C-alpha atoms as a PDB file:
ATOM      1  CA  MET A   1     -43.226 -21.371  27.080  1.00  0.00           C
ATOM      2  CA  TYR A   2     -43.073 -21.740  23.313  1.00  0.00           C
ATOM      3  CA  SER A   3     -39.969 -23.321  21.851  1.00  0.00           C
ATOM      4  CA  PHE A   4     -38.999 -25.000  18.632  1.00  0.00           C
ATOM      5  CA  MET A   5     -36.360 -27.421  17.456  1.00  0.00           C
ATOM      6  CA  GLU A   6     -33.624 -26.880  14.881  1.00  0.00           C
ATOM      7  CA  LEU A   7     -31.042 -29.357  13.649  1.00  0.00           C
ATOM      8  CA  VAL A   8     -27.659 -27.788  12.846  1.00  0.00           C
ATOM      9  CA  GLY A   9     -24.606 -29.848  11.918  1.00  0.00           C
ATOM     10  CA  GLY A  10     -26.086 -32.977  13.465  1.00  0.00           C
ATOM     11  CA  VAL A  11     -26.833 -31.199  16.776  1.00  0.00           C
ATOM     12  CA  LYS A  12     -30.461 -30.846  17.846  1.00  0.00           C
ATOM     13  CA  PHE A  13     -31.183 -27.508  19.529  1.00  0.00           C
ATOM     14  CA  THR A  14     -34.242 -26.430  21.483  1.00  0.00           C
ATOM     15  CA  ILE A  15     -34.692 -22.704  20.955  1.00  0.00           C
ATOM     16  CA  TYR A  16     -36.305 -20.444  23.549  1.00  0.00           C
ATOM     17  CA  PHE A  17     -37.054 -16.706  23.550  1.00  0.00           C
ATOM     18  CA  PHE A  18     -35.835 -14.160  26.079  1.00  0.00           C
ATOM     19  CA  GLY A  19     -36.205 -10.476  26.820  1.00  0.00           C
ATOM     20  CA  SER A  20     -32.711  -9.955  28.229  1.00  0.00           C
ATOM     21  CA  PHE A  21     -29.510 -11.576  29.478  1.00  0.00           C
ATOM     22  CA  SER A  22     -27.075 -11.265  32.326  1.00  0.00           C
ATOM     23  CA  GLY A  23     -23.392 -11.841  32.800  1.00  0.00           C
ATOM     24  CA  SER A  24     -20.071 -10.276  32.026  1.00  0.00           C
ATOM     25  CA  PHE A  25     -18.466 -13.477  30.795  1.00  0.00           C
ATOM     26  CA  HIS A  26     -19.436 -16.055  28.209  1.00  0.00           C
ATOM     27  CA  PRO A  27     -21.610 -17.956  28.015  1.00  0.00           C
ATOM     28  CA  TYR A  28     -24.147 -15.258  28.781  1.00  0.00           C
ATOM     29  CA  THR A  29     -27.202 -16.229  30.786  1.00  0.00           C
ATOM     30  CA  PRO A  30     -30.506 -15.551  29.005  1.00  0.00           C
ATOM     31  CA  THR A  31     -33.077 -14.037  31.370  1.00  0.00           C
ATOM     32  CA  TYR A  32     -36.712 -13.000  31.286  1.00  0.00           C
ATOM     33  CA  PRO A  33     -38.207 -15.927  29.311  1.00  0.00           C
ATOM     34  CA  LEU A  34     -40.807 -14.921  26.730  1.00  0.00           C
ATOM     35  CA  ASP A  35     -43.593 -16.767  25.032  1.00  0.00           C
ATOM     36  CA  PHE A  36     -43.504 -16.306  21.250  1.00  0.00           C
ATOM     37  CA  ASN A  37     -46.206 -13.587  21.143  1.00  0.00           C
ATOM     38  CA  GLU A  38     -44.575 -11.703  24.022  1.00  0.00           C
ATOM     39  CA  ILE A  39     -41.718 -10.873  21.659  1.00  0.00           C
ATOM     40  CA  TYR A  40     -44.130  -8.385  20.093  1.00  0.00           C
ATOM     41  CA  GLU A  41     -46.482  -7.522  22.941  1.00  0.00           C
ATOM     42  CA  SER A  42     -43.749  -6.386  25.329  1.00  0.00           C
ATOM     43  CA  ARG A  43     -42.534  -3.840  22.780  1.00  0.00           C
ATOM     44  CA  LYS A  44     -43.292  -0.299  23.943  1.00  0.00           C
ATOM     45  CA  SER A  45     -41.943   1.325  20.801  1.00  0.00           C
ATOM     46  CA  ASN A  46     -41.888   0.316  17.170  1.00  0.00           C
ATOM     47  CA  GLN A  47     -38.466  -1.274  17.505  1.00  0.00           C
ATOM     48  CA  GLY A  48     -36.418  -3.268  19.934  1.00  0.00           C
ATOM     49  CA  PRO A  49     -34.520  -6.482  20.607  1.00  0.00           C
ATOM     50  CA  TYR A  50     -35.309  -9.992  21.644  1.00  0.00           C
ATOM     51  CA  TYR A  51     -32.961 -12.927  22.214  1.00  0.00           C
ATOM     52  CA  GLN A  52     -32.886 -16.583  21.251  1.00  0.00           C
ATOM     53  CA  GLY A  53     -31.153 -19.141  23.437  1.00  0.00           C
ATOM     54  CA  TRP A  54     -30.253 -22.330  21.562  1.00  0.00           C
ATOM     55  CA  TYR A  55     -29.799 -25.239  23.973  1.00  0.00           C
ATOM     56  CA  ALA A  56     -28.330 -28.640  23.106  1.00  0.00           C
ATOM     57  CA  GLU A  57     -28.974 -31.615  25.374  1.00  0.00           C
ATOM     58  CA  THR A  58     -25.620 -33.066  26.476  1.00  0.00           C
ATOM     59  CA  LYS A  59     -24.440 -35.578  29.061  1.00  0.00           C
ATOM     60  CA  HIS A  60     -23.895 -32.539  31.306  1.00  0.00           C
ATOM     61  CA  GLY A  61     -27.488 -31.353  30.808  1.00  0.00           C
ATOM     62  CA  PRO A  62     -28.730 -28.540  28.563  1.00  0.00           C
ATOM     63  CA  GLN A  63     -25.916 -26.312  27.297  1.00  0.00           C
ATOM     64  CA  LEU A  64     -26.281 -22.939  25.640  1.00  0.00           C
ATOM     65  CA  GLY A  65     -24.781 -23.502  22.192  1.00  0.00           C
ATOM     66  CA  ARG A  66     -25.894 -20.280  20.564  1.00  0.00           C
ATOM     67  CA  PHE A  67     -27.079 -16.952  21.852  1.00  0.00           C
ATOM     68  CA  ILE A  68     -28.594 -14.664  19.232  1.00  0.00           C
ATOM     69  CA  LYS A  69     -29.928 -11.107  19.439  1.00  0.00           C
ATOM     70  CA  TYR A  70     -32.483  -9.888  16.903  1.00  0.00           C
ATOM     71  CA  TRP A  71     -33.765  -6.388  16.330  1.00  0.00           C
ATOM     72  CA  LEU A  72     -37.406  -5.995  15.314  1.00  0.00           C
ATOM     73  CA  ILE A  73     -38.853  -2.959  13.613  1.00  0.00           C
ATOM     74  CA  ARG A  74     -42.564  -2.651  12.999  1.00  0.00           C
ATOM     75  CA  ARG A  75     -44.799  -0.263  11.150  1.00  0.00           C
ATOM     76  CA  ALA A  76     -48.521  -0.302  10.487  1.00  0.00           C
ATOM     77  CA  PHE A  77     -49.422  -2.481   7.514  1.00  0.00           C
ATOM     78  CA  GLU A  78     -51.515  -0.623   4.977  1.00  0.00           C
ATOM     79  CA  GLY A  79     -52.221  -3.436   2.531  1.00  0.00           C
ATOM     80  CA  GLU A  80     -55.245  -5.705   2.341  1.00  0.00           C
ATOM     81  CA  ILE A  81     -55.693  -8.694   4.633  1.00  0.00           C
ATOM     82  CA  ASN A  82     -58.234 -11.464   4.144  1.00  0.00           C
ATOM     83  CA  GLU A  83     -59.789 -11.554   7.588  1.00  0.00           C
ATOM     84  CA  ASN A  84     -61.572 -14.907   7.463  1.00  0.00           C
ATOM     85  CA  GLU A  85     -59.822 -16.069  10.603  1.00  0.00           C
ATOM     86  CA  LYS A  86     -61.214 -16.515  14.090  1.00  0.00           C
ATOM     87  CA  LEU A  87     -59.983 -14.677  17.175  1.00  0.00           C
ATOM     88  CA  GLY A  88     -56.187 -14.954  17.347  1.00  0.00           C
ATOM     89  CA  THR A  89     -52.792 -13.822  16.127  1.00  0.00           C
ATOM     90  CA  TYR A  90     -51.674 -14.672  12.601  1.00  0.00           C
ATOM     91  CA  TYR A  91     -48.588 -14.360  10.432  1.00  0.00           C
ATOM     92  CA  ARG A  92     -48.229 -14.076   6.673  1.00  0.00           C
ATOM     93  CA  ARG A  93     -45.307 -13.905   4.325  1.00  0.00           C
ATOM     94  CA  LEU A  94     -44.798 -10.474   2.735  1.00  0.00           C
ATOM     95  CA  GLU A  95     -43.613  -9.841  -0.810  1.00  0.00           C
ATOM     96  CA  LYS A  96     -42.972  -6.580  -2.554  1.00  0.00           C
ATOM     97  CA  GLU A  97     -45.023  -6.256  -5.743  1.00  0.00           C
ATOM     98  CA  ASN A  98     -45.137  -3.131  -7.887  1.00  0.00           C
ATOM     99  CA  GLY A  99     -43.535  -1.107  -5.104  1.00  0.00           C
ATOM    100  CA  LYS A 100     -46.012  -2.228  -2.401  1.00  0.00           C
ATOM    101  CA  TRP A 101     -45.807  -4.913   0.267  1.00  0.00           C
ATOM    102  CA  THR A 102     -48.431  -7.614  -0.260  1.00  0.00           C
ATOM    103  CA  ALA A 103     -49.628 -10.233   2.232  1.00  0.00           C
ATOM    104  CA  LYS A 104     -49.179 -13.767   0.909  1.00  0.00           C
ATOM    105  CA  ASP A 105     -49.638 -17.238   2.402  1.00  0.00           C
ATOM    106  CA  ALA A 106     -50.031 -17.934   6.119  1.00  0.00           C
ATOM    107  CA  ILE A 107     -46.849 -19.012   7.904  1.00  0.00           C
ATOM    108  CA  THR A 108     -46.072 -20.719  11.221  1.00  0.00           C
ATOM    109  CA  PRO A 109     -43.871 -19.218  13.966  1.00  0.00           C
ATOM    110  CA  GLU A 110     -40.984 -21.488  12.899  1.00  0.00           C
ATOM    111  CA  ILE A 111     -41.148 -20.011   9.400  1.00  0.00           C
ATOM    112  CA  VAL A 112     -41.678 -16.481  10.776  1.00  0.00           C
ATOM    113  CA  LEU A 113     -38.345 -16.744  12.550  1.00  0.00           C
ATOM    114  CA  LYS A 114     -36.557 -17.296   9.239  1.00  0.00           C
ATOM    115  CA  GLN A 115     -38.137 -14.290   7.490  1.00  0.00           C
ATOM    116  CA  LYS A 116     -36.775 -10.770   7.235  1.00  0.00           C
ATOM    117  CA  HIS A 117     -40.173  -9.263   6.302  1.00  0.00           C
ATOM    118  CA  TYR A 118     -43.510 -10.626   7.459  1.00  0.00           C
ATOM    119  CA  LEU A 119     -46.987  -9.556   8.493  1.00  0.00           C
ATOM    120  CA  ARG A 120     -48.293 -10.024  12.043  1.00  0.00           C
ATOM    121  CA  TYR A 121     -51.946  -9.267  12.679  1.00  0.00           C
ATOM    122  CA  VAL A 122     -54.495  -9.802  15.411  1.00  0.00           C
ATOM    123  CA  VAL A 123     -58.152 -10.669  14.740  1.00  0.00           C
ATOM    124  CA  ASN A 124     -60.658  -9.698  17.446  1.00  0.00           C
ATOM    125  CA  LYS A 125     -63.713 -11.710  18.572  1.00  0.00           C
ATOM    126  CA  GLU A 126     -65.878  -9.961  15.962  1.00  0.00           C
ATOM    127  CA  GLY A 127     -63.613 -11.338  13.227  1.00  0.00           C
ATOM    128  CA  LYS A 128     -62.105  -7.941  12.378  1.00  0.00           C
ATOM    129  CA  VAL A 129     -58.415  -7.087  12.191  1.00  0.00           C
ATOM    130  CA  ASP A 130     -57.476  -5.255  15.389  1.00  0.00           C
ATOM    131  CA  SER A 131     -53.883  -4.471  14.469  1.00  0.00           C
ATOM    132  CA  ALA A 132     -51.616  -5.321  11.572  1.00  0.00           C
ATOM    133  CA  TYR A 133     -47.878  -4.711  11.408  1.00  0.00           C
ATOM    134  CA  HIS A 134     -45.190  -5.168   8.825  1.00  0.00           C
ATOM    135  CA  ILE A 135     -42.344  -6.644  10.869  1.00  0.00           C
ATOM    136  CA  TYR A 136     -38.727  -6.442   9.808  1.00  0.00           C
ATOM    137  CA  SER A 137     -36.373  -8.762  11.685  1.00  0.00           C
ATOM    138  CA  THR A 138     -32.625  -8.365  11.506  1.00  0.00           C
ATOM    139  CA  LEU A 139     -29.757 -10.130  13.219  1.00  0.00           C
ATOM    140  CA  MET A 140     -27.712  -7.948  15.611  1.00  0.00           C
ATOM    141  CA  TYR A 141     -25.311 -10.334  17.373  1.00  0.00           C
ATOM    142  CA  ARG A 142     -24.617 -14.059  17.272  1.00  0.00           C
ATOM    143  CA  TYR A 143     -22.485 -15.997  19.730  1.00  0.00           C
ATOM    144  CA  ILE A 144     -21.649 -19.643  19.029  1.00  0.00           C
ATOM    145  CA  TYR A 145     -20.254 -21.523  22.013  1.00  0.00           C
ATOM    146  CA  THR A 146     -17.998 -24.589  21.836  1.00  0.00           C
ATOM    147  CA  TYR A 147     -17.444 -26.853  24.845  1.00  0.00           C
ATOM    148  CA  ASN A 148     -14.973 -29.664  25.491  1.00  0.00           C
ATOM    149  CA  GLU A 149     -15.982 -33.219  26.485  1.00  0.00           C
ATOM    150  CA  ASN A 150     -16.073 -32.129  30.154  1.00  0.00           C
ATOM    151  CA  GLY A 151     -18.620 -29.399  29.411  1.00  0.00           C
ATOM    152  CA  VAL A 152     -16.142 -26.530  29.807  1.00  0.00           C
ATOM    153  CA  LEU A 153     -16.440 -23.576  27.426  1.00  0.00           C
ATOM    154  CA  THR A 154     -13.441 -23.584  25.072  1.00  0.00           C
ATOM    155  CA  ASN A 155     -14.346 -21.110  22.322  1.00  0.00           C
ATOM    156  CA  VAL A 156     -16.714 -18.250  21.513  1.00  0.00           C
ATOM    157  CA  ASP A 157     -17.301 -17.269  17.909  1.00  0.00           C
ATOM    158  CA  ASN A 158     -19.142 -14.004  17.552  1.00  0.00           C
ATOM    159  CA  GLU A 159     -20.478 -11.831  14.789  1.00  0.00           C
ATOM    160  CA  SER A 160     -22.219  -8.470  14.899  1.00  0.00           C
ATOM    161  CA  TYR A 161     -24.307  -6.815  12.225  1.00  0.00           C
ATOM    162  CA  GLU A 162     -25.429  -3.303  11.373  1.00  0.00           C
ATOM    163  CA  THR A 163     -28.878  -2.463  12.709  1.00  0.00           C
ATOM    164  CA  PRO A 164     -31.163  -0.145  10.705  1.00  0.00           C
ATOM    165  CA  SER A 165     -33.365   2.402  12.435  1.00  0.00           C
ATOM    166  CA  GLU A 166     -36.297   1.868  10.069  1.00  0.00           C
ATOM    167  CA  ILE A 167     -37.541  -0.841   7.741  1.00  0.00           C
ATOM    168  CA  PRO A 168     -35.375  -0.875   4.622  1.00  0.00           C
ATOM    169  CA  ASP A 169     -37.384  -0.194   1.485  1.00  0.00           C
ATOM    170  CA  LEU A 170     -35.983  -2.973  -0.649  1.00  0.00           C
END
């Protein structure tokens, strides 16, 4: 399972991806672990959510410090892609130039996760682009959990955000 690390306020988090969650009380329990590419492959429509569980290692074991829901919207990318890559999945930064989205430099999954607009494309074994999507990622909900020294949840900060139904044409 793919994960990455993020340092926030002196706390080191390991971040994992999930397809859902369970629970009626905080902290929620992330369920259905996803590998990074499954975030996109499990999508049956051009939009939908995925979740990030941010775990901090504590004396009580891993604790869910943040639980974040993102909404992804995708549409076919109609710009040019340099397809010099081998079989695989690739990501590029997107920039709007003269009213059109243009593929720029290659980016890693850690950088992808900090982008609002990016390109995701798959190169087949013949070296041709199989599929290419402009992805728009937007934050839906964020829960930040605070625990006391005994590992008991003491506070939940939450924020929610408006979710568009299509990629904003910025």
